[in-house]
Amino acid sequence: MSKFQLAQINIGRLIAPLDDPLIADFVAQIDEINALAERSPGFVWRLQTDEGNATDLRPFDDDRIIVNMSVWESIEHLKEYAYHSAHTEVLKRRREWFEKFAGAFLALWWVEAGHLPTIEEARQRLDHLHKHGESEFAFSFKNPFPPPTL
């Protein structure tokens, strides 16, 4: 087993509040897509509240920004889930529910196996990526960095 796992955060600004009919189709799919992630090869953990998702969390100063955070065994596992599963259909429709985001909305980074990142840690990675570009500290699928070597 690898000594490192891949953490990710992605955020999006909804076009309307969660209870608005404009995004009802998105909200109706959250549990199903989260369950798909949990069944996917390489899945380790995802951020969630007692309700089973993270939509109640508001770690940013904007109530319409929602957050998704998870940990995976490898970048390949996360890519397979994100771009080659039913999750892809949700991605294709994202402009129906989310505004175009200015700045970094996704950050990836390596964590020691067993470490569960905090929202604050994830925010720092996202902020660093936005301000400084891709590096070993925070990167994207377009320019992935390998896990650290010990």
N, C-alpha and C. Protein backbone atom coordinates (compact mmCIF):
# COMPACT_ATOMS: atom_id res chain seq x y z
N MET A 1 0.83 -1.18 0.00
CA MET A 1 0.00 0.00 0.00
C MET A 1 0.88 1.25 0.00
N SER A 2 0.45 2.25 -0.76
CA SER A 2 1.20 3.49 -0.86
C SER A 2 1.19 4.24 0.47
N LYS A 3 2.25 4.99 0.72
CA LYS A 3 2.32 5.81 1.92
C LYS A 3 1.56 7.12 1.74
N PHE A 4 1.12 7.39 0.50
CA PHE A 4 0.41 8.64 0.22
C PHE A 4 -0.89 8.37 -0.51
N GLN A 5 -1.85 9.25 -0.28
CA GLN A 5 -3.13 9.20 -0.95
C GLN A 5 -3.42 10.60 -1.49
N LEU A 6 -4.33 10.67 -2.44
CA LEU A 6 -4.64 11.93 -3.09
C LEU A 6 -5.86 12.59 -2.44
N ALA A 7 -5.68 13.81 -1.98
CA ALA A 7 -6.79 14.60 -1.44
C ALA A 7 -7.24 15.57 -2.53
N GLN A 8 -8.52 15.90 -2.50
CA GLN A 8 -9.04 16.88 -3.45
C GLN A 8 -10.11 17.72 -2.79
N ILE A 9 -10.17 18.97 -3.23
CA ILE A 9 -11.28 19.86 -2.90
C ILE A 9 -11.76 20.46 -4.20
N ASN A 10 -13.06 20.55 -4.35
CA ASN A 10 -13.61 21.33 -5.44
C ASN A 10 -14.80 22.11 -4.89
N ILE A 11 -14.91 23.32 -5.38
CA ILE A 11 -15.96 24.20 -4.92
C ILE A 11 -16.72 24.73 -6.13
N GLY A 12 -17.93 25.18 -5.88
CA GLY A 12 -18.73 25.78 -6.93
C GLY A 12 -19.71 26.76 -6.32
N ARG A 13 -20.03 27.78 -7.08
CA ARG A 13 -21.02 28.76 -6.63
C ARG A 13 -22.33 28.48 -7.35
N LEU A 14 -23.33 28.07 -6.58
CA LEU A 14 -24.64 27.76 -7.12
C LEU A 14 -25.29 29.00 -7.72
N ILE A 15 -26.12 28.80 -8.74
CA ILE A 15 -26.83 29.93 -9.35
C ILE A 15 -27.98 30.40 -8.47
N ALA A 16 -28.35 29.58 -7.49
CA ALA A 16 -29.46 29.90 -6.59
C ALA A 16 -29.26 29.10 -5.31
N PRO A 17 -29.98 29.43 -4.24
CA PRO A 17 -29.88 28.65 -3.01
C PRO A 17 -30.27 27.18 -3.23
N LEU A 18 -29.79 26.32 -2.35
CA LEU A 18 -30.02 24.88 -2.47
C LEU A 18 -31.48 24.48 -2.58
N ASP A 19 -32.36 25.24 -1.96
CA ASP A 19 -33.78 24.87 -1.98
C ASP A 19 -34.54 25.50 -3.16
N ASP A 20 -33.84 26.15 -4.07
CA ASP A 20 -34.48 26.78 -5.23
C ASP A 20 -34.78 25.73 -6.31
N PRO A 21 -35.94 25.78 -6.94
CA PRO A 21 -36.28 24.83 -8.01
C PRO A 21 -35.28 24.84 -9.17
N LEU A 22 -34.55 25.93 -9.37
CA LEU A 22 -33.57 25.99 -10.46
C LEU A 22 -32.49 24.91 -10.35
N ILE A 23 -32.21 24.48 -9.15
CA ILE A 23 -31.16 23.47 -8.99
C ILE A 23 -31.68 22.17 -8.38
N ALA A 24 -32.98 21.98 -8.45
CA ALA A 24 -33.59 20.77 -7.89
C ALA A 24 -33.02 19.50 -8.51
N ASP A 25 -32.75 19.49 -9.81
CA ASP A 25 -32.18 18.30 -10.44
C ASP A 25 -30.81 17.96 -9.87
N PHE A 26 -30.02 18.99 -9.61
CA PHE A 26 -28.70 18.77 -9.00
C PHE A 26 -28.85 18.18 -7.60
N VAL A 27 -29.66 18.80 -6.78
CA VAL A 27 -29.86 18.35 -5.40
C VAL A 27 -30.37 16.92 -5.37
N ALA A 28 -31.26 16.58 -6.29
CA ALA A 28 -31.82 15.22 -6.33
C ALA A 28 -30.77 14.15 -6.62
N GLN A 29 -29.65 14.53 -7.21
CA GLN A 29 -28.61 13.57 -7.57
C GLN A 29 -27.48 13.44 -6.54
N ILE A 30 -27.44 14.32 -5.57
CA ILE A 30 -26.30 14.35 -4.65
C ILE A 30 -26.08 13.02 -3.95
N ASP A 31 -27.10 12.46 -3.35
CA ASP A 31 -26.92 11.20 -2.61
C ASP A 31 -26.46 10.06 -3.52
N GLU A 32 -27.05 9.99 -4.70
CA GLU A 32 -26.69 8.93 -5.65
C GLU A 32 -25.23 9.05 -6.10
N ILE A 33 -24.79 10.26 -6.40
CA ILE A 33 -23.42 10.48 -6.87
C ILE A 33 -22.43 10.25 -5.73
N ASN A 34 -22.78 10.66 -4.52
CA ASN A 34 -21.92 10.39 -3.37
C ASN A 34 -21.80 8.89 -3.12
N ALA A 35 -22.90 8.17 -3.24
CA ALA A 35 -22.87 6.71 -3.06
C ALA A 35 -22.02 6.06 -4.15
N LEU A 36 -22.09 6.57 -5.36
CA LEU A 36 -21.25 6.05 -6.44
C LEU A 36 -19.78 6.25 -6.11
N ALA A 37 -19.43 7.42 -5.60
CA ALA A 37 -18.04 7.67 -5.21
C ALA A 37 -17.59 6.64 -4.18
N GLU A 38 -18.41 6.43 -3.17
CA GLU A 38 -18.04 5.51 -2.10
C GLU A 38 -17.87 4.07 -2.59
N ARG A 39 -18.56 3.69 -3.64
CA ARG A 39 -18.44 2.34 -4.21
C ARG A 39 -17.31 2.23 -5.23
N SER A 40 -16.74 3.35 -5.61
CA SER A 40 -15.74 3.36 -6.68
C SER A 40 -14.39 2.84 -6.19
N PRO A 41 -13.68 2.12 -7.06
CA PRO A 41 -12.34 1.66 -6.70
C PRO A 41 -11.46 2.84 -6.31
N GLY A 42 -10.70 2.66 -5.25
CA GLY A 42 -9.75 3.69 -4.82
C GLY A 42 -10.31 4.74 -3.89
N PHE A 43 -11.63 4.73 -3.65
CA PHE A 43 -12.22 5.72 -2.75
C PHE A 43 -11.76 5.43 -1.32
N VAL A 44 -11.42 6.49 -0.59
CA VAL A 44 -10.98 6.36 0.80
C VAL A 44 -11.96 7.07 1.75
N TRP A 45 -12.29 8.32 1.47
CA TRP A 45 -13.06 9.14 2.42
C TRP A 45 -13.64 10.34 1.68
N ARG A 46 -14.77 10.86 2.20
CA ARG A 46 -15.30 12.13 1.71
C ARG A 46 -15.83 12.94 2.88
N LEU A 47 -15.76 14.23 2.76
CA LEU A 47 -16.29 15.16 3.76
C LEU A 47 -17.80 15.07 3.75
N GLN A 48 -18.38 14.93 4.94
CA GLN A 48 -19.83 14.91 5.03
C GLN A 48 -20.27 15.25 6.45
N THR A 49 -21.49 15.74 6.54
CA THR A 49 -22.10 16.01 7.84
C THR A 49 -22.96 14.80 8.21
N ASP A 50 -23.70 14.91 9.30
CA ASP A 50 -24.60 13.82 9.70
C ASP A 50 -25.68 13.55 8.66
N GLU A 51 -25.94 14.53 7.78
CA GLU A 51 -26.94 14.35 6.73
C GLU A 51 -26.41 13.52 5.56
N GLY A 52 -25.11 13.23 5.55
CA GLY A 52 -24.54 12.38 4.51
C GLY A 52 -23.92 13.11 3.35
N ASN A 53 -23.92 14.43 3.39
CA ASN A 53 -23.23 15.19 2.34
C ASN A 53 -22.62 16.44 2.98
N ALA A 54 -22.03 17.28 2.17
CA ALA A 54 -21.36 18.47 2.71
C ALA A 54 -22.07 19.76 2.32
N THR A 55 -23.29 19.66 1.82
CA THR A 55 -23.97 20.87 1.33
C THR A 55 -24.36 21.84 2.45
N ASP A 56 -24.41 21.37 3.70
CA ASP A 56 -24.73 22.27 4.81
C ASP A 56 -23.52 23.08 5.28
N LEU A 57 -22.33 22.68 4.87
CA LEU A 57 -21.12 23.36 5.30
C LEU A 57 -20.91 24.61 4.45
N ARG A 58 -20.53 25.67 5.08
CA ARG A 58 -20.27 26.94 4.39
C ARG A 58 -18.92 27.49 4.84
N PRO A 59 -17.82 26.90 4.36
CA PRO A 59 -16.50 27.36 4.80
C PRO A 59 -16.02 28.63 4.11
N PHE A 60 -16.80 29.15 3.18
CA PHE A 60 -16.44 30.38 2.50
C PHE A 60 -17.42 31.47 2.89
N ASP A 61 -17.09 32.70 2.59
CA ASP A 61 -17.92 33.84 2.99
C ASP A 61 -19.14 34.02 2.10
N ASP A 62 -19.44 33.08 1.27
CA ASP A 62 -20.54 33.16 0.33
C ASP A 62 -21.44 31.94 0.56
N ASP A 63 -22.68 32.15 0.92
CA ASP A 63 -23.60 31.05 1.22
C ASP A 63 -23.92 30.16 0.03
N ARG A 64 -23.64 30.65 -1.17
CA ARG A 64 -23.94 29.83 -2.35
C ARG A 64 -22.74 29.01 -2.83
N ILE A 65 -21.61 29.12 -2.15
CA ILE A 65 -20.45 28.28 -2.50
C ILE A 65 -20.55 26.99 -1.70
N ILE A 66 -20.60 25.87 -2.43
CA ILE A 66 -20.61 24.58 -1.75
C ILE A 66 -19.27 23.88 -2.01
N VAL A 67 -18.96 22.96 -1.13
CA VAL A 67 -17.65 22.32 -1.15
C VAL A 67 -17.79 20.81 -1.23
N ASN A 68 -16.85 20.20 -1.92
CA ASN A 68 -16.73 18.75 -1.99
C ASN A 68 -15.27 18.42 -1.72
N MET A 69 -15.03 17.52 -0.79
CA MET A 69 -13.67 17.11 -0.46
C MET A 69 -13.64 15.60 -0.33
N SER A 70 -12.57 15.00 -0.83
CA SER A 70 -12.44 13.56 -0.71
C SER A 70 -10.98 13.15 -0.76
N VAL A 71 -10.73 11.90 -0.42
CA VAL A 71 -9.40 11.30 -0.48
C VAL A 71 -9.51 10.00 -1.28
N TRP A 72 -8.52 9.78 -2.13
CA TRP A 72 -8.50 8.62 -3.03
C TRP A 72 -7.14 7.95 -2.96
N GLU A 73 -7.09 6.68 -3.32
CA GLU A 73 -5.82 5.94 -3.30
C GLU A 73 -4.84 6.47 -4.34
N SER A 74 -5.35 7.01 -5.45
CA SER A 74 -4.46 7.50 -6.50
C SER A 74 -5.20 8.51 -7.37
N ILE A 75 -4.44 9.24 -8.14
CA ILE A 75 -5.03 10.19 -9.08
C ILE A 75 -5.81 9.45 -10.16
N GLU A 76 -5.34 8.26 -10.53
CA GLU A 76 -6.03 7.47 -11.55
C GLU A 76 -7.41 7.05 -11.08
N HIS A 77 -7.53 6.67 -9.81
CA HIS A 77 -8.83 6.29 -9.26
C HIS A 77 -9.81 7.47 -9.27
N LEU A 78 -9.33 8.63 -8.84
CA LEU A 78 -10.20 9.81 -8.83
C LEU A 78 -10.60 10.19 -10.25
N LYS A 79 -9.66 10.15 -11.17
CA LYS A 79 -9.96 10.48 -12.57
C LYS A 79 -11.01 9.53 -13.15
N GLU A 80 -10.88 8.26 -12.84
CA GLU A 80 -11.83 7.27 -13.35
C GLU A 80 -13.24 7.60 -12.85
N TYR A 81 -13.36 7.88 -11.57
CA TYR A 81 -14.67 8.24 -11.02
C TYR A 81 -15.19 9.55 -11.63
N ALA A 82 -14.35 10.57 -11.65
CA ALA A 82 -14.79 11.90 -12.08
C ALA A 82 -15.18 11.96 -13.56
N TYR A 83 -14.43 11.26 -14.39
CA TYR A 83 -14.60 11.44 -15.84
C TYR A 83 -15.06 10.20 -16.61
N HIS A 84 -15.21 9.06 -15.92
CA HIS A 84 -15.60 7.83 -16.63
C HIS A 84 -16.66 7.05 -15.88
N SER A 85 -17.54 7.75 -15.20
CA SER A 85 -18.65 7.11 -14.47
C SER A 85 -19.89 7.98 -14.66
N ALA A 86 -20.95 7.64 -13.97
CA ALA A 86 -22.18 8.45 -14.03
C ALA A 86 -21.93 9.88 -13.56
N HIS A 87 -20.86 10.11 -12.82
CA HIS A 87 -20.49 11.46 -12.39
C HIS A 87 -20.29 12.38 -13.59
N THR A 88 -19.85 11.82 -14.69
CA THR A 88 -19.60 12.61 -15.90
C THR A 88 -20.86 13.31 -16.38
N GLU A 89 -22.00 12.66 -16.25
CA GLU A 89 -23.26 13.28 -16.67
C GLU A 89 -23.58 14.52 -15.83
N VAL A 90 -23.26 14.46 -14.56
CA VAL A 90 -23.45 15.62 -13.69
C VAL A 90 -22.51 16.74 -14.13
N LEU A 91 -21.26 16.40 -14.41
CA LEU A 91 -20.30 17.40 -14.88
C LEU A 91 -20.78 18.10 -16.15
N LYS A 92 -21.34 17.34 -17.06
CA LYS A 92 -21.81 17.92 -18.32
C LYS A 92 -22.90 18.97 -18.10
N ARG A 93 -23.65 18.84 -17.02
CA ARG A 93 -24.76 19.76 -16.75
C ARG A 93 -24.40 20.86 -15.74
N ARG A 94 -23.16 20.94 -15.33
CA ARG A 94 -22.79 21.86 -14.23
C ARG A 94 -23.16 23.31 -14.50
N ARG A 95 -23.15 23.75 -15.75
CA ARG A 95 -23.49 25.15 -16.06
C ARG A 95 -24.97 25.45 -15.81
N GLU A 96 -25.78 24.42 -15.71
CA GLU A 96 -27.20 24.63 -15.37
C GLU A 96 -27.36 25.03 -13.91
N TRP A 97 -26.41 24.63 -13.06
CA TRP A 97 -26.56 24.81 -11.61
C TRP A 97 -25.49 25.71 -10.98
N PHE A 98 -24.36 25.85 -11.66
CA PHE A 98 -23.24 26.59 -11.08
C PHE A 98 -22.81 27.73 -11.99
N GLU A 99 -22.41 28.83 -11.36
CA GLU A 99 -21.85 29.95 -12.09
C GLU A 99 -20.43 29.61 -12.53
N LYS A 100 -19.97 30.27 -13.58
CA LYS A 100 -18.57 30.12 -13.98
C LYS A 100 -17.75 30.71 -12.84
N PHE A 101 -16.76 29.98 -12.42
CA PHE A 101 -15.99 30.37 -11.24
C PHE A 101 -14.71 31.08 -11.66
N ALA A 102 -14.48 32.25 -11.10
CA ALA A 102 -13.23 32.98 -11.34
C ALA A 102 -12.20 32.46 -10.33
N GLY A 103 -11.10 31.99 -10.83
CA GLY A 103 -10.07 31.48 -9.94
C GLY A 103 -10.11 29.97 -9.82
N ALA A 104 -9.27 29.46 -8.96
CA ALA A 104 -9.15 28.01 -8.76
C ALA A 104 -10.40 27.48 -8.06
N PHE A 105 -10.95 26.42 -8.60
CA PHE A 105 -12.11 25.77 -7.98
C PHE A 105 -11.82 24.31 -7.65
N LEU A 106 -10.65 23.81 -8.04
CA LEU A 106 -10.24 22.44 -7.76
C LEU A 106 -8.77 22.44 -7.39
N ALA A 107 -8.45 21.73 -6.33
CA ALA A 107 -7.05 21.54 -5.96
C ALA A 107 -6.85 20.09 -5.54
N LEU A 108 -5.74 19.54 -5.95
CA LEU A 108 -5.32 18.19 -5.58
C LEU A 108 -4.00 18.30 -4.82
N TRP A 109 -3.79 17.40 -3.87
CA TRP A 109 -2.51 17.35 -3.16
C TRP A 109 -2.40 15.98 -2.50
N TRP A 110 -1.15 15.62 -2.20
CA TRP A 110 -0.89 14.32 -1.58
C TRP A 110 -0.89 14.45 -0.06
N VAL A 111 -1.49 13.47 0.59
CA VAL A 111 -1.51 13.39 2.05
C VAL A 111 -0.96 12.03 2.46
N GLU A 112 -0.41 11.97 3.64
CA GLU A 112 0.02 10.66 4.15
C GLU A 112 -1.20 9.77 4.30
N ALA A 113 -1.04 8.51 3.97
CA ALA A 113 -2.15 7.56 4.06
C ALA A 113 -2.73 7.62 5.47
N GLY A 114 -4.04 7.70 5.53
CA GLY A 114 -4.73 7.78 6.82
C GLY A 114 -5.05 9.19 7.28
N HIS A 115 -4.40 10.19 6.69
CA HIS A 115 -4.67 11.58 7.07
C HIS A 115 -5.95 12.05 6.40
N LEU A 116 -6.86 12.63 7.18
CA LEU A 116 -8.08 13.21 6.64
C LEU A 116 -7.94 14.72 6.68
N PRO A 117 -7.90 15.35 5.52
CA PRO A 117 -7.66 16.79 5.50
C PRO A 117 -8.82 17.58 6.09
N THR A 118 -8.48 18.70 6.67
CA THR A 118 -9.49 19.61 7.20
C THR A 118 -9.91 20.59 6.11
N ILE A 119 -11.04 21.24 6.34
CA ILE A 119 -11.48 22.26 5.38
C ILE A 119 -10.46 23.38 5.31
N GLU A 120 -9.90 23.76 6.45
CA GLU A 120 -8.91 24.84 6.45
C GLU A 120 -7.68 24.45 5.63
N GLU A 121 -7.22 23.23 5.78
CA GLU A 121 -6.09 22.74 4.99
C GLU A 121 -6.43 22.81 3.50
N ALA A 122 -7.61 22.38 3.15
CA ALA A 122 -8.03 22.38 1.75
C ALA A 122 -8.14 23.81 1.21
N ARG A 123 -8.66 24.70 2.01
CA ARG A 123 -8.75 26.11 1.59
C ARG A 123 -7.38 26.69 1.32
N GLN A 124 -6.40 26.34 2.16
CA GLN A 124 -5.03 26.82 1.95
C GLN A 124 -4.47 26.30 0.63
N ARG A 125 -4.75 25.05 0.30
CA ARG A 125 -4.27 24.47 -0.96
C ARG A 125 -4.92 25.17 -2.15
N LEU A 126 -6.21 25.39 -2.07
CA LEU A 126 -6.93 26.06 -3.14
C LEU A 126 -6.44 27.49 -3.32
N ASP A 127 -6.25 28.19 -2.21
CA ASP A 127 -5.76 29.57 -2.25
C ASP A 127 -4.35 29.63 -2.83
N HIS A 128 -3.51 28.70 -2.42
CA HIS A 128 -2.13 28.66 -2.92
C HIS A 128 -2.12 28.41 -4.43
N LEU A 129 -2.94 27.49 -4.88
CA LEU A 129 -3.02 27.20 -6.31
C LEU A 129 -3.48 28.44 -7.08
N HIS A 130 -4.46 29.14 -6.55
CA HIS A 130 -4.98 30.34 -7.19
C HIS A 130 -3.91 31.44 -7.28
N LYS A 131 -3.16 31.63 -6.21
CA LYS A 131 -2.19 32.72 -6.14
C LYS A 131 -0.86 32.40 -6.80
N HIS A 132 -0.43 31.11 -6.74
CA HIS A 132 0.93 30.77 -7.17
C HIS A 132 1.00 29.78 -8.32
N GLY A 133 -0.12 29.24 -8.72
CA GLY A 133 -0.08 28.25 -9.79
C GLY A 133 0.24 26.86 -9.26
N GLU A 134 0.36 25.94 -10.18
CA GLU A 134 0.53 24.54 -9.82
C GLU A 134 1.93 24.25 -9.28
N SER A 135 1.95 23.42 -8.25
CA SER A 135 3.20 23.00 -7.62
C SER A 135 2.93 21.71 -6.87
N GLU A 136 3.94 21.17 -6.23
CA GLU A 136 3.73 19.97 -5.42
C GLU A 136 2.74 20.24 -4.28
N PHE A 137 2.61 21.50 -3.87
CA PHE A 137 1.74 21.85 -2.76
C PHE A 137 0.26 21.74 -3.15
N ALA A 138 -0.05 22.11 -4.39
CA ALA A 138 -1.43 22.05 -4.90
C ALA A 138 -1.37 22.05 -6.42
N PHE A 139 -2.13 21.15 -7.02
CA PHE A 139 -2.08 21.01 -8.47
C PHE A 139 -3.45 20.59 -8.98
N SER A 140 -3.54 20.39 -10.29
CA SER A 140 -4.79 19.98 -10.91
C SER A 140 -4.56 18.73 -11.74
N PHE A 141 -5.62 18.25 -12.37
CA PHE A 141 -5.49 17.10 -13.27
C PHE A 141 -4.63 17.44 -14.48
N LYS A 142 -4.62 18.70 -14.87
CA LYS A 142 -3.86 19.11 -16.06
C LYS A 142 -2.36 19.00 -15.86
N ASN A 143 -1.89 19.21 -14.64
CA ASN A 143 -0.47 19.18 -14.35
C ASN A 143 -0.23 18.43 -13.04
N PRO A 144 -0.51 17.13 -13.03
CA PRO A 144 -0.39 16.38 -11.77
C PRO A 144 1.06 16.18 -11.34
N PHE A 145 1.26 16.18 -10.06
CA PHE A 145 2.57 15.90 -9.48
C PHE A 145 2.53 14.51 -8.86
N PRO A 146 3.65 13.79 -8.91
CA PRO A 146 3.67 12.45 -8.31
C PRO A 146 3.67 12.55 -6.79
N PRO A 147 3.33 11.45 -6.12
CA PRO A 147 3.39 11.47 -4.65
C PRO A 147 4.83 11.71 -4.19
N PRO A 148 4.98 12.29 -3.02
CA PRO A 148 6.33 12.51 -2.50
C PRO A 148 7.07 11.19 -2.29
N THR A 149 8.36 11.27 -2.30
CA THR A 149 9.18 10.10 -1.98
C THR A 149 9.78 10.34 -0.60
N LEU A 150 9.85 9.29 0.16
CA LEU A 150 10.40 9.42 1.52
C LEU A 150 11.86 9.12 1.56
